[in-house]
PDB file of N, CA and C in Angstrom:
ATOM      1  N   MET A   1      22.418 -28.299  30.827  1.00  0.00           N
ATOM      2  CA  MET A   1      21.596 -28.888  31.861  1.00  0.00           C
ATOM      3  C   MET A   1      20.343 -28.031  32.015  1.00  0.00           C
ATOM      4  N   THR A   2      19.205 -28.667  32.077  1.00  0.00           N
ATOM      5  CA  THR A   2      17.961 -27.930  32.266  1.00  0.00           C
ATOM      6  C   THR A   2      17.689 -27.750  33.745  1.00  0.00           C
ATOM      7  N   SER A   3      16.721 -26.920  34.069  1.00  0.00           N
ATOM      8  CA  SER A   3      16.413 -26.675  35.479  1.00  0.00           C
ATOM      9  C   SER A   3      15.850 -27.895  36.175  1.00  0.00           C
ATOM     10  N   SER A   4      15.348 -28.872  35.411  1.00  0.00           N
ATOM     11  CA  SER A   4      14.787 -30.074  36.040  1.00  0.00           C
ATOM     12  C   SER A   4      15.854 -31.135  36.307  1.00  0.00           C
ATOM     13  N   GLU A   5      17.058 -30.972  35.742  1.00  0.00           N
ATOM     14  CA  GLU A   5      18.131 -31.920  35.981  1.00  0.00           C
ATOM     15  C   GLU A   5      18.877 -31.557  37.260  1.00  0.00           C
ATOM     16  N   THR A   6      19.346 -32.585  37.936  1.00  0.00           N
ATOM     17  CA  THR A   6      20.123 -32.345  39.149  1.00  0.00           C
ATOM     18  C   THR A   6      21.478 -33.014  39.022  1.00  0.00           C
ATOM     19  N   VAL A   7      22.420 -32.527  39.759  1.00  0.00           N
ATOM     20  CA  VAL A   7      23.751 -33.111  39.781  1.00  0.00           C
ATOM     21  C   VAL A   7      23.978 -33.683  41.164  1.00  0.00           C
ATOM     22  N   SER A   8      24.346 -34.947  41.220  1.00  0.00           N
ATOM     23  CA  SER A   8      24.626 -35.593  42.489  1.00  0.00           C
ATOM     24  C   SER A   8      26.066 -35.276  42.879  1.00  0.00           C
ATOM     25  N   VAL A   9      26.230 -34.756  44.063  1.00  0.00           N
ATOM     26  CA  VAL A   9      27.556 -34.401  44.536  1.00  0.00           C
ATOM     27  C   VAL A   9      27.787 -35.086  45.876  1.00  0.00           C
ATOM     28  N   ALA A  10      28.896 -35.780  45.957  1.00  0.00           N
ATOM     29  CA  ALA A  10      29.291 -36.424  47.217  1.00  0.00           C
ATOM     30  C   ALA A  10      30.794 -36.273  47.350  1.00  0.00           C
ATOM     31  N   GLY A  11      31.243 -36.270  48.571  1.00  0.00           N
ATOM     32  CA  GLY A  11      32.671 -36.147  48.812  1.00  0.00           C
ATOM     33  C   GLY A  11      33.080 -36.944  50.024  1.00  0.00           C
ATOM     34  N   THR A  12      34.389 -37.137  50.151  1.00  0.00           N
ATOM     35  CA  THR A  12      34.938 -37.877  51.276  1.00  0.00           C
ATOM     36  C   THR A  12      36.135 -37.136  51.833  1.00  0.00           C
ATOM     37  N   GLN A  13      36.165 -36.981  53.135  1.00  0.00           N
ATOM     38  CA  GLN A  13      37.335 -36.444  53.821  1.00  0.00           C
ATOM     39  C   GLN A  13      37.857 -37.544  54.737  1.00  0.00           C
ATOM     40  N   ILE A  14      39.169 -37.756  54.705  1.00  0.00           N
ATOM     41  CA  ILE A  14      39.785 -38.833  55.469  1.00  0.00           C
ATOM     42  C   ILE A  14      40.702 -38.236  56.535  1.00  0.00           C
ATOM     43  N   HIS A  15      40.611 -38.769  57.751  1.00  0.00           N
ATOM     44  CA  HIS A  15      41.549 -38.402  58.809  1.00  0.00           C
ATOM     45  C   HIS A  15      41.701 -39.601  59.752  1.00  0.00           C
ATOM     46  N   GLU A  16      42.661 -39.506  60.663  1.00  0.00           N
ATOM     47  CA  GLU A  16      42.863 -40.574  61.643  1.00  0.00           C
ATOM     48  C   GLU A  16      42.392 -40.138  63.008  1.00  0.00           C
ATOM     49  N   HIS A  17      41.881 -41.101  63.760  1.00  0.00           N
ATOM     50  CA  HIS A  17      41.415 -40.865  65.126  1.00  0.00           C
ATOM     51  C   HIS A  17      41.801 -42.099  65.939  1.00  0.00           C
ATOM     52  N   ASP A  18      42.735 -41.953  66.860  1.00  0.00           N
ATOM     53  CA  ASP A  18      43.194 -43.084  67.681  1.00  0.00           C
ATOM     54  C   ASP A  18      43.580 -44.298  66.843  1.00  0.00           C
ATOM     55  N   ASP A  19      44.404 -44.081  65.824  1.00  0.00           N
ATOM     56  CA  ASP A  19      44.898 -45.134  64.927  1.00  0.00           C
ATOM     57  C   ASP A  19      43.817 -45.791  64.065  1.00  0.00           C
ATOM     58  N   VAL A  20      42.664 -45.145  63.958  1.00  0.00           N
ATOM     59  CA  VAL A  20      41.584 -45.649  63.113  1.00  0.00           C
ATOM     60  C   VAL A  20      41.347 -44.633  62.002  1.00  0.00           C
ATOM     61  N   LEU A  21      41.190 -45.126  60.793  1.00  0.00           N
ATOM     62  CA  LEU A  21      40.898 -44.278  59.650  1.00  0.00           C
ATOM     63  C   LEU A  21      39.430 -43.869  59.708  1.00  0.00           C
ATOM     64  N   VAL A  22      39.154 -42.579  59.661  1.00  0.00           N
ATOM     65  CA  VAL A  22      37.781 -42.072  59.674  1.00  0.00           C
ATOM     66  C   VAL A  22      37.515 -41.396  58.341  1.00  0.00           C
ATOM     67  N   ALA A  23      36.508 -41.889  57.626  1.00  0.00           N
ATOM     68  CA  ALA A  23      36.107 -41.320  56.343  1.00  0.00           C
ATOM     69  C   ALA A  23      34.750 -40.649  56.524  1.00  0.00           C
ATOM     70  N   VAL A  24      34.717 -39.343  56.363  1.00  0.00           N
ATOM     71  CA  VAL A  24      33.472 -38.596  56.467  1.00  0.00           C
ATOM     72  C   VAL A  24      32.915 -38.449  55.050  1.00  0.00           C
ATOM     73  N   VAL A  25      31.768 -39.076  54.808  1.00  0.00           N
ATOM     74  CA  VAL A  25      31.126 -39.030  53.502  1.00  0.00           C
ATOM     75  C   VAL A  25      29.990 -38.017  53.585  1.00  0.00           C
ATOM     76  N   SER A  26      30.021 -37.037  52.686  1.00  0.00           N
ATOM     77  CA  SER A  26      28.993 -35.994  52.700  1.00  0.00           C
ATOM     78  C   SER A  26      28.332 -35.890  51.334  1.00  0.00           C
ATOM     79  N   GLY A  27      27.207 -35.194  51.306  1.00  0.00           N
ATOM     80  CA  GLY A  27      26.477 -35.006  50.051  1.00  0.00           C
ATOM     81  C   GLY A  27      25.467 -36.110  49.826  1.00  0.00           C
ATOM     82  N   GLU A  28      25.227 -36.403  48.551  1.00  0.00           N
ATOM     83  CA  GLU A  28      24.243 -37.416  48.162  1.00  0.00           C
ATOM     84  C   GLU A  28      24.976 -38.684  47.735  1.00  0.00           C
ATOM     85  N   LEU A  29      24.779 -39.747  48.479  1.00  0.00           N
ATOM     86  CA  LEU A  29      25.405 -41.033  48.158  1.00  0.00           C
ATOM     87  C   LEU A  29      24.379 -41.871  47.401  1.00  0.00           C
ATOM     88  N   ASP A  30      24.443 -41.776  46.080  1.00  0.00           N
ATOM     89  CA  ASP A  30      23.478 -42.458  45.221  1.00  0.00           C
ATOM     90  C   ASP A  30      24.204 -43.124  44.059  1.00  0.00           C
ATOM     91  N   MET A  31      23.447 -43.622  43.086  1.00  0.00           N
ATOM     92  CA  MET A  31      24.050 -44.393  42.000  1.00  0.00           C
ATOM     93  C   MET A  31      24.988 -43.567  41.130  1.00  0.00           C
ATOM     94  N   THR A  32      24.860 -42.255  41.133  1.00  0.00           N
ATOM     95  CA  THR A  32      25.758 -41.450  40.313  1.00  0.00           C
ATOM     96  C   THR A  32      27.039 -41.074  41.039  1.00  0.00           C
ATOM     97  N   SER A  33      27.060 -41.161  42.350  1.00  0.00           N
ATOM     98  CA  SER A  33      28.253 -40.773  43.112  1.00  0.00           C
ATOM     99  C   SER A  33      28.944 -41.947  43.800  1.00  0.00           C
ATOM    100  N   VAL A  34      28.284 -43.076  43.904  1.00  0.00           N
ATOM    101  CA  VAL A  34      28.795 -44.181  44.714  1.00  0.00           C
ATOM    102  C   VAL A  34      30.114 -44.748  44.188  1.00  0.00           C
ATOM    103  N   ASP A  35      30.311 -44.778  42.889  1.00  0.00           N
ATOM    104  CA  ASP A  35      31.542 -45.375  42.359  1.00  0.00           C
ATOM    105  C   ASP A  35      32.788 -44.619  42.822  1.00  0.00           C
ATOM    106  N   GLY A  36      32.744 -43.305  42.790  1.00  0.00           N
ATOM    107  CA  GLY A  36      33.881 -42.504  43.232  1.00  0.00           C
ATOM    108  C   GLY A  36      34.140 -42.655  44.717  1.00  0.00           C
ATOM    109  N   ILE A  37      33.072 -42.645  45.509  1.00  0.00           N
ATOM    110  CA  ILE A  37      33.202 -42.804  46.964  1.00  0.00           C
ATOM    111  C   ILE A  37      33.715 -44.206  47.274  1.00  0.00           C
ATOM    112  N   ALA A  38      33.157 -45.208  46.606  1.00  0.00           N
ATOM    113  CA  ALA A  38      33.584 -46.592  46.839  1.00  0.00           C
ATOM    114  C   ALA A  38      35.060 -46.768  46.499  1.00  0.00           C
ATOM    115  N   ALA A  39      35.512 -46.201  45.395  1.00  0.00           N
ATOM    116  CA  ALA A  39      36.916 -46.334  45.006  1.00  0.00           C
ATOM    117  C   ALA A  39      37.825 -45.791  46.106  1.00  0.00           C
ATOM    118  N   THR A  40      37.467 -44.640  46.647  1.00  0.00           N
ATOM    119  CA  THR A  40      38.265 -44.037  47.717  1.00  0.00           C
ATOM    120  C   THR A  40      38.268 -44.916  48.962  1.00  0.00           C
ATOM    121  N   LEU A  41      37.088 -45.368  49.392  1.00  0.00           N
ATOM    122  CA  LEU A  41      36.990 -46.155  50.616  1.00  0.00           C
ATOM    123  C   LEU A  41      37.686 -47.508  50.486  1.00  0.00           C
ATOM    124  N   PHE A  42      37.486 -48.194  49.365  1.00  0.00           N
ATOM    125  CA  PHE A  42      38.120 -49.501  49.181  1.00  0.00           C
ATOM    126  C   PHE A  42      39.635 -49.371  49.043  1.00  0.00           C
ATOM    127  N   GLU A  43      40.090 -48.284  48.430  1.00  0.00           N
ATOM    128  CA  GLU A  43      41.537 -48.054  48.325  1.00  0.00           C
ATOM    129  C   GLU A  43      42.146 -47.899  49.723  1.00  0.00           C
ATOM    130  N   HIS A  44      41.499 -47.114  50.575  1.00  0.00           N
ATOM    131  CA  HIS A  44      42.007 -46.928  51.939  1.00  0.00           C
ATOM    132  C   HIS A  44      41.902 -48.214  52.752  1.00  0.00           C
ATOM    133  N   LEU A  45      40.825 -48.961  52.570  1.00  0.00           N
ATOM    134  CA  LEU A  45      40.685 -50.236  53.269  1.00  0.00           C
ATOM    135  C   LEU A  45      41.796 -51.194  52.849  1.00  0.00           C
ATOM    136  N   GLY A  46      42.206 -51.127  51.592  1.00  0.00           N
ATOM    137  CA  GLY A  46      43.263 -51.989  51.082  1.00  0.00           C
ATOM    138  C   GLY A  46      44.613 -51.762  51.743  1.00  0.00           C
ATOM    139  N   THR A  47      44.785 -50.632  52.408  1.00  0.00           N
ATOM    140  CA  THR A  47      46.041 -50.373  53.121  1.00  0.00           C
ATOM    141  C   THR A  47      46.065 -51.064  54.478  1.00  0.00           C
ATOM    142  N   ARG A  48      44.976 -51.750  54.816  1.00  0.00           N
ATOM    143  CA  ARG A  48      44.824 -52.469  56.078  1.00  0.00           C
ATOM    144  C   ARG A  48      45.076 -51.565  57.283  1.00  0.00           C
ATOM    145  N   PRO A  49      44.247 -50.529  57.436  1.00  0.00           N
ATOM    146  CA  PRO A  49      44.413 -49.626  58.577  1.00  0.00           C
ATOM    147  C   PRO A  49      44.078 -50.337  59.888  1.00  0.00           C
ATOM    148  N   GLY A  50      44.358 -49.683  61.015  1.00  0.00           N
ATOM    149  CA  GLY A  50      44.037 -50.244  62.324  1.00  0.00           C
ATOM    150  C   GLY A  50      42.544 -50.406  62.532  1.00  0.00           C
ATOM    151  N   GLY A  51      41.755 -49.804  61.700  1.00  0.00           N
ATOM    152  CA  GLY A  51      40.299 -49.878  61.724  1.00  0.00           C
ATOM    153  C   GLY A  51      39.761 -48.830  60.773  1.00  0.00           C
ATOM    154  N   MET A  52      38.478 -48.946  60.431  1.00  0.00           N
ATOM    155  CA  MET A  52      37.862 -47.970  59.539  1.00  0.00           C
ATOM    156  C   MET A  52      36.484 -47.602  60.055  1.00  0.00           C
ATOM    157  N   VAL A  53      36.246 -46.293  60.110  1.00  0.00           N
ATOM    158  CA  VAL A  53      34.945 -45.751  60.480  1.00  0.00           C
ATOM    159  C   VAL A  53      34.455 -44.912  59.311  1.00  0.00           C
ATOM    160  N   VAL A  54      33.213 -45.133  58.904  1.00  0.00           N
ATOM    161  CA  VAL A  54      32.597 -44.312  57.867  1.00  0.00           C
ATOM    162  C   VAL A  54      31.507 -43.484  58.538  1.00  0.00           C
ATOM    163  N   ASP A  55      31.722 -42.177  58.540  1.00  0.00           N
ATOM    164  CA  ASP A  55      30.779 -41.226  59.127  1.00  0.00           C
ATOM    165  C   ASP A  55      29.859 -40.747  58.014  1.00  0.00           C
ATOM    166  N   LEU A  56      28.599 -41.149  58.068  1.00  0.00           N
ATOM    167  CA  LEU A  56      27.631 -40.850  57.021  1.00  0.00           C
ATOM    168  C   LEU A  56      26.980 -39.483  57.245  1.00  0.00           C
ATOM    169  N   ALA A  57      27.687 -38.430  56.883  1.00  0.00           N
ATOM    170  CA  ALA A  57      27.178 -37.065  56.998  1.00  0.00           C
ATOM    171  C   ALA A  57      26.487 -36.690  55.690  1.00  0.00           C
ATOM    172  N   VAL A  58      25.570 -37.550  55.263  1.00  0.00           N
ATOM    173  CA  VAL A  58      24.954 -37.434  53.942  1.00  0.00           C
ATOM    174  C   VAL A  58      23.572 -36.786  54.005  1.00  0.00           C
ATOM    175  N   SER A  59      23.216 -36.151  52.884  1.00  0.00           N
ATOM    176  CA  SER A  59      21.870 -35.589  52.756  1.00  0.00           C
ATOM    177  C   SER A  59      20.933 -36.571  52.054  1.00  0.00           C
ATOM    178  N   PHE A  60      21.500 -37.615  51.446  1.00  0.00           N
ATOM    179  CA  PHE A  60      20.722 -38.666  50.800  1.00  0.00           C
ATOM    180  C   PHE A  60      21.555 -39.938  50.793  1.00  0.00           C
ATOM    181  N   LEU A  61      20.923 -41.066  51.087  1.00  0.00           N
ATOM    182  CA  LEU A  61      21.585 -42.372  51.060  1.00  0.00           C
ATOM    183  C   LEU A  61      20.685 -43.325  50.279  1.00  0.00           C
ATOM    184  N   GLY A  62      21.117 -43.650  49.062  1.00  0.00           N
ATOM    185  CA  GLY A  62      20.338 -44.525  48.196  1.00  0.00           C
ATOM    186  C   GLY A  62      20.724 -45.981  48.333  1.00  0.00           C
ATOM    187  N   SER A  63      20.012 -46.830  47.613  1.00  0.00           N
ATOM    188  CA  SER A  63      20.250 -48.271  47.701  1.00  0.00           C
ATOM    189  C   SER A  63      21.644 -48.650  47.208  1.00  0.00           C
ATOM    190  N   SER A  64      22.175 -47.922  46.246  1.00  0.00           N
ATOM    191  CA  SER A  64      23.530 -48.226  45.784  1.00  0.00           C
ATOM    192  C   SER A  64      24.549 -47.915  46.879  1.00  0.00           C
ATOM    193  N   GLY A  65      24.286 -46.894  47.673  1.00  0.00           N
ATOM    194  CA  GLY A  65      25.145 -46.580  48.821  1.00  0.00           C
ATOM    195  C   GLY A  65      25.073 -47.667  49.872  1.00  0.00           C
ATOM    196  N   LEU A  66      23.872 -48.186  50.108  1.00  0.00           N
ATOM    197  CA  LEU A  66      23.710 -49.282  51.067  1.00  0.00           C
ATOM    198  C   LEU A  66      24.477 -50.524  50.610  1.00  0.00           C
ATOM    199  N   SER A  67      24.378 -50.839  49.331  1.00  0.00           N
ATOM    200  CA  SER A  67      25.096 -52.001  48.792  1.00  0.00           C
ATOM    201  C   SER A  67      26.595 -51.837  48.970  1.00  0.00           C
ATOM    202  N   MET A  68      27.099 -50.639  48.714  1.00  0.00           N
ATOM    203  CA  MET A  68      28.523 -50.372  48.868  1.00  0.00           C
ATOM    204  C   MET A  68      28.942 -50.534  50.328  1.00  0.00           C
ATOM    205  N   LEU A  69      28.129 -50.053  51.266  1.00  0.00           N
ATOM    206  CA  LEU A  69      28.455 -50.181  52.692  1.00  0.00           C
ATOM    207  C   LEU A  69      28.466 -51.645  53.128  1.00  0.00           C
ATOM    208  N   LEU A  70      27.528 -52.430  52.621  1.00  0.00           N
ATOM    209  CA  LEU A  70      27.515 -53.865  52.926  1.00  0.00           C
ATOM    210  C   LEU A  70      28.777 -54.542  52.414  1.00  0.00           C
ATOM    211  N   GLU A  71      29.184 -54.216  51.196  1.00  0.00           N
ATOM    212  CA  GLU A  71      30.400 -54.813  50.623  1.00  0.00           C
ATOM    213  C   GLU A  71      31.641 -54.349  51.381  1.00  0.00           C
ATOM    214  N   LEU A  72      31.680 -53.084  51.772  1.00  0.00           N
ATOM    215  CA  LEU A  72      32.808 -52.559  52.536  1.00  0.00           C
ATOM    216  C   LEU A  72      32.921 -53.282  53.878  1.00  0.00           C
ATOM    217  N   ASN A  73      31.805 -53.482  54.557  1.00  0.00           N
ATOM    218  CA  ASN A  73      31.782 -54.211  55.824  1.00  0.00           C
ATOM    219  C   ASN A  73      32.264 -55.648  55.623  1.00  0.00           C
ATOM    220  N   LYS A  74      31.788 -56.291  54.564  1.00  0.00           N
ATOM    221  CA  LYS A  74      32.178 -57.670  54.274  1.00  0.00           C
ATOM    222  C   LYS A  74      33.681 -57.770  54.032  1.00  0.00           C
ATOM    223  N   ARG A  75      34.209 -56.857  53.235  1.00  0.00           N
ATOM    224  CA  ARG A  75      35.645 -56.897  52.934  1.00  0.00           C
ATOM    225  C   ARG A  75      36.479 -56.586  54.169  1.00  0.00           C
ATOM    226  N   ALA A  76      36.025 -55.632  54.984  1.00  0.00           N
ATOM    227  CA  ALA A  76      36.754 -55.307  56.219  1.00  0.00           C
ATOM    228  C   ALA A  76      36.813 -56.534  57.124  1.00  0.00           C
ATOM    229  N   ARG A  77      35.690 -57.208  57.280  1.00  0.00           N
ATOM    230  CA  ARG A  77      35.660 -58.420  58.118  1.00  0.00           C
ATOM    231  C   ARG A  77      36.584 -59.491  57.560  1.00  0.00           C
ATOM    232  N   ARG A  78      36.537 -59.677  56.253  1.00  0.00           N
ATOM    233  CA  ARG A  78      37.387 -60.679  55.606  1.00  0.00           C
ATOM    234  C   ARG A  78      38.872 -60.379  55.838  1.00  0.00           C
ATOM    235  N   ASP A  79      39.222 -59.083  55.791  1.00  0.00           N
ATOM    236  CA  ASP A  79      40.617 -58.667  55.934  1.00  0.00           C
ATOM    237  C   ASP A  79      41.034 -58.443  57.384  1.00  0.00           C
ATOM    238  N   GLY A  80      40.121 -58.653  58.322  1.00  0.00           N
ATOM    239  CA  GLY A  80      40.444 -58.489  59.733  1.00  0.00           C
ATOM    240  C   GLY A  80      40.597 -57.040  60.166  1.00  0.00           C
ATOM    241  N   VAL A  81      39.913 -56.133  59.474  1.00  0.00           N
ATOM    242  CA  VAL A  81      39.961 -54.713  59.801  1.00  0.00           C
ATOM    243  C   VAL A  81      38.657 -54.351  60.513  1.00  0.00           C
ATOM    244  N   GLY A  82      38.761 -53.814  61.724  1.00  0.00           N
ATOM    245  CA  GLY A  82      37.570 -53.383  62.442  1.00  0.00           C
ATOM    246  C   GLY A  82      36.833 -52.319  61.645  1.00  0.00           C
ATOM    247  N   PHE A  83      35.511 -52.364  61.667  1.00  0.00           N
ATOM    248  CA  PHE A  83      34.704 -51.478  60.842  1.00  0.00           C
ATOM    249  C   PHE A  83      33.465 -51.033  61.602  1.00  0.00           C
ATOM    250  N   ALA A  84      33.099 -49.768  61.460  1.00  0.00           N
ATOM    251  CA  ALA A  84      31.863 -49.254  62.056  1.00  0.00           C
ATOM    252  C   ALA A  84      31.390 -48.037  61.267  1.00  0.00           C
ATOM    253  N   LEU A  85      30.101 -47.772  61.377  1.00  0.00           N
ATOM    254  CA  LEU A  85      29.484 -46.604  60.751  1.00  0.00           C
ATOM    255  C   LEU A  85      29.038 -45.629  61.827  1.00  0.00           C
ATOM    256  N   VAL A  86      29.007 -44.352  61.456  1.00  0.00           N
ATOM    257  CA  VAL A  86      28.391 -43.325  62.288  1.00  0.00           C
ATOM    258  C   VAL A  86      27.212 -42.797  61.494  1.00  0.00           C
ATOM    259  N   ALA A  87      26.025 -42.816  62.101  1.00  0.00           N
ATOM    260  CA  ALA A  87      24.830 -42.310  61.429  1.00  0.00           C
ATOM    261  C   ALA A  87      24.056 -41.423  62.396  1.00  0.00           C
ATOM    262  N   THR A  88      24.143 -40.122  62.166  1.00  0.00           N
ATOM    263  CA  THR A  88      23.363 -39.171  62.966  1.00  0.00           C
ATOM    264  C   THR A  88      22.467 -38.302  62.091  1.00  0.00           C
ATOM    265  N   GLU A  89      22.823 -38.176  60.810  1.00  0.00           N
ATOM    266  CA  GLU A  89      22.003 -37.384  59.884  1.00  0.00           C
ATOM    267  C   GLU A  89      20.719 -38.144  59.574  1.00  0.00           C
ATOM    268  N   ALA A  90      19.616 -37.422  59.499  1.00  0.00           N
ATOM    269  CA  ALA A  90      18.304 -38.035  59.284  1.00  0.00           C
ATOM    270  C   ALA A  90      18.277 -38.920  58.040  1.00  0.00           C
ATOM    271  N   ALA A  91      18.910 -38.480  56.960  1.00  0.00           N
ATOM    272  CA  ALA A  91      18.896 -39.265  55.716  1.00  0.00           C
ATOM    273  C   ALA A  91      19.525 -40.638  55.916  1.00  0.00           C
ATOM    274  N   ALA A  92      20.618 -40.694  56.638  1.00  0.00           N
ATOM    275  CA  ALA A  92      21.289 -41.975  56.883  1.00  0.00           C
ATOM    276  C   ALA A  92      20.506 -42.834  57.867  1.00  0.00           C
ATOM    277  N   VAL A  93      20.064 -42.240  58.949  1.00  0.00           N
ATOM    278  CA  VAL A  93      19.331 -42.990  59.978  1.00  0.00           C
ATOM    279  C   VAL A  93      18.052 -43.579  59.399  1.00  0.00           C
ATOM    280  N   ARG A  94      17.286 -42.770  58.665  1.00  0.00           N
ATOM    281  CA  ARG A  94      16.028 -43.244  58.066  1.00  0.00           C
ATOM    282  C   ARG A  94      16.271 -44.419  57.131  1.00  0.00           C
ATOM    283  N   THR A  95      17.257 -44.292  56.255  1.00  0.00           N
ATOM    284  CA  THR A  95      17.509 -45.333  55.262  1.00  0.00           C
ATOM    285  C   THR A  95      18.018 -46.613  55.909  1.00  0.00           C
ATOM    286  N   LEU A  96      18.937 -46.491  56.851  1.00  0.00           N
ATOM    287  CA  LEU A  96      19.460 -47.677  57.536  1.00  0.00           C
ATOM    288  C   LEU A  96      18.369 -48.365  58.351  1.00  0.00           C
ATOM    289  N   THR A  97      17.496 -47.587  58.959  1.00  0.00           N
ATOM    290  CA  THR A  97      16.407 -48.148  59.758  1.00  0.00           C
ATOM    291  C   THR A  97      15.349 -48.793  58.869  1.00  0.00           C
ATOM    292  N   ALA A  98      14.931 -48.097  57.818  1.00  0.00           N
ATOM    293  CA  ALA A  98      13.882 -48.612  56.923  1.00  0.00           C
ATOM    294  C   ALA A  98      14.325 -49.886  56.217  1.00  0.00           C
ATOM    295  N   SER A  99      15.598 -49.993  55.912  1.00  0.00           N
ATOM    296  CA  SER A  99      16.117 -51.180  55.222  1.00  0.00           C
ATOM    297  C   SER A  99      16.478 -52.303  56.189  1.00  0.00           C
ATOM    298  N   ALA A 100      16.394 -52.030  57.482  1.00  0.00           N
ATOM    299  CA  ALA A 100      16.779 -52.967  58.553  1.00  0.00           C
ATOM    300  C   ALA A 100      18.278 -53.223  58.592  1.00  0.00           C
ATOM    301  N   LEU A 101      19.063 -52.477  57.837  1.00  0.00           N
ATOM    302  CA  LEU A 101      20.509 -52.665  57.854  1.00  0.00           C
ATOM    303  C   LEU A 101      21.154 -52.093  59.108  1.00  0.00           C
ATOM    304  N   ALA A 102      20.401 -51.306  59.856  1.00  0.00           N
ATOM    305  CA  ALA A 102      20.909 -50.826  61.142  1.00  0.00           C
ATOM    306  C   ALA A 102      21.104 -51.986  62.105  1.00  0.00           C
ATOM    307  N   HIS A 103      20.445 -53.120  61.823  1.00  0.00           N
ATOM    308  CA  HIS A 103      20.591 -54.317  62.655  1.00  0.00           C
ATOM    309  C   HIS A 103      21.681 -55.247  62.123  1.00  0.00           C
ATOM    310  N   VAL A 104      22.142 -54.998  60.916  1.00  0.00           N
ATOM    311  CA  VAL A 104      23.139 -55.859  60.276  1.00  0.00           C
ATOM    312  C   VAL A 104      24.522 -55.221  60.326  1.00  0.00           C
ATOM    313  N   LEU A 105      24.577 -53.923  60.071  1.00  0.00           N
ATOM    314  CA  LEU A 105      25.847 -53.196  60.062  1.00  0.00           C
ATOM    315  C   LEU A 105      26.128 -52.612  61.444  1.00  0.00           C
ATOM    316  N   PRO A 106      27.408 -52.454  61.796  1.00  0.00           N
ATOM    317  CA  PRO A 106      27.756 -51.875  63.096  1.00  0.00           C
ATOM    318  C   PRO A 106      27.577 -50.342  63.061  1.00  0.00           C
ATOM    319  N   VAL A 107      26.412 -49.881  63.496  1.00  0.00           N
ATOM    320  CA  VAL A 107      26.056 -48.458  63.433  1.00  0.00           C
ATOM    321  C   VAL A 107      26.155 -47.836  64.818  1.00  0.00           C
ATOM    322  N   THR A 108      26.821 -46.683  64.883  1.00  0.00           N
ATOM    323  CA  THR A 108      26.981 -45.945  66.135  1.00  0.00           C
ATOM    324  C   THR A 108      26.494 -44.511  65.935  1.00  0.00           C
ATOM    325  N   GLN A 109      26.518 -43.734  67.037  1.00  0.00           N
ATOM    326  CA  GLN A 109      26.032 -42.359  66.973  1.00  0.00           C
ATOM    327  C   GLN A 109      27.135 -41.313  67.101  1.00  0.00           C
ATOM    328  N   SER A 110      28.398 -41.745  67.187  1.00  0.00           N
ATOM    329  CA  SER A 110      29.498 -40.779  67.246  1.00  0.00           C
ATOM    330  C   SER A 110      30.784 -41.447  66.782  1.00  0.00           C
ATOM    331  N   VAL A 111      31.723 -40.626  66.364  1.00  0.00           N
ATOM    332  CA  VAL A 111      33.021 -41.151  65.951  1.00  0.00           C
ATOM    333  C   VAL A 111      33.709 -41.818  67.138  1.00  0.00           C
ATOM    334  N   ASP A 112      33.632 -41.203  68.314  1.00  0.00           N
ATOM    335  CA  ASP A 112      34.262 -41.808  69.495  1.00  0.00           C
ATOM    336  C   ASP A 112      33.685 -43.193  69.785  1.00  0.00           C
ATOM    337  N   GLU A 113      32.371 -43.328  69.691  1.00  0.00           N
ATOM    338  CA  GLU A 113      31.721 -44.621  69.926  1.00  0.00           C
ATOM    339  C   GLU A 113      32.130 -45.638  68.854  1.00  0.00           C
ATOM    340  N   ALA A 114      32.235 -45.191  67.608  1.00  0.00           N
ATOM    341  CA  ALA A 114      32.630 -46.080  66.518  1.00  0.00           C
ATOM    342  C   ALA A 114      34.079 -46.541  66.686  1.00  0.00           C
ATOM    343  N   VAL A 115      34.966 -45.627  67.062  1.00  0.00           N
ATOM    344  CA  VAL A 115      36.369 -45.984  67.280  1.00  0.00           C
ATOM    345  C   VAL A 115      36.488 -46.978  68.426  1.00  0.00           C
ATOM    346  N   ALA A 116      35.737 -46.754  69.492  1.00  0.00           N
ATOM    347  CA  ALA A 116      35.748 -47.697  70.624  1.00  0.00           C
ATOM    348  C   ALA A 116      35.261 -49.071  70.168  1.00  0.00           C
ATOM    349  N   LEU A 117      34.229 -49.108  69.344  1.00  0.00           N
ATOM    350  CA  LEU A 117      33.705 -50.377  68.829  1.00  0.00           C
ATOM    351  C   LEU A 117      34.765 -51.083  67.977  1.00  0.00           C
ATOM    352  N   VAL A 118      35.429 -50.326  67.119  1.00  0.00           N
ATOM    353  CA  VAL A 118      36.478 -50.896  66.278  1.00  0.00           C
ATOM    354  C   VAL A 118      37.618 -51.463  67.125  1.00  0.00           C
ATOM    355  N   HIS A 119      37.936 -50.780  68.224  1.00  0.00           N
ATOM    356  CA  HIS A 119      38.999 -51.244  69.121  1.00  0.00           C
ATOM    357  C   HIS A 119      38.533 -52.376  70.032  1.00  0.00           C
ATOM    358  N   GLY A 120      37.251 -52.742  69.958  1.00  0.00           N
ATOM    359  CA  GLY A 120      36.741 -53.843  70.752  1.00  0.00           C
ATOM    360  C   GLY A 120      36.394 -53.480  72.172  1.00  0.00           C
ATOM    361  N   GLU A 121      36.257 -52.186  72.452  1.00  0.00           N
ATOM    362  CA  GLU A 121      35.888 -51.754  73.798  1.00  0.00           C
ATOM    363  C   GLU A 121      34.393 -51.923  73.995  1.00  0.00           C
ATOM    364  N   PRO A 122      33.986 -52.254  75.218  1.00  0.00           N
ATOM    365  CA  PRO A 122      32.540 -52.426  75.465  1.00  0.00           C
ATOM    366  C   PRO A 122      31.814 -51.097  75.300  1.00  0.00           C
ATOM    367  N   LYS A 123      30.558 -51.200  74.891  1.00  0.00           N
ATOM    368  CA  LYS A 123      29.713 -50.027  74.707  1.00  0.00           C
ATOM    369  C   LYS A 123      29.462 -49.357  76.046  1.00  0.00           C
ATOM    370  N   ARG A 124      29.544 -48.029  76.043  1.00  0.00           N
ATOM    371  CA  ARG A 124      29.264 -47.266  77.267  1.00  0.00           C
ATOM    372  C   ARG A 124      27.775 -47.047  77.407  1.00  0.00           C
ATOM    373  N   SER A 125      27.304 -47.119  78.626  1.00  0.00           N
ATOM    374  CA  SER A 125      25.865 -46.908  78.873  1.00  0.00           C
ATOM    375  C   SER A 125      25.568 -45.466  79.106  1.00  0.00           C
TER     376      SER A 125
END
């Protein structure tokens, strides 16, 4: 590898919060890392959890990551699994806002808020 080449690194940590599966995605979510992250998330969604929250703790969110999130949301809705995103990192917020997907996907600012949304609780003011 030369000094001008970069390696995309992304990871996922999974835990439960109030019977909802929380997947914390970190690193760079781009075309070189999205397949591995998607495989993990779709596998967990396939277990039909009480709900799924994806916490976007990413340093980069590319268009392939956005496409994967849209498909994950679509499949969760189809399967009757509550779904929400957490976006507080600048990379995630900027990309979701610039693409207008912040208006399409259920985006929150904390895991607690996302879990409440998945459980169907009204938003707190």
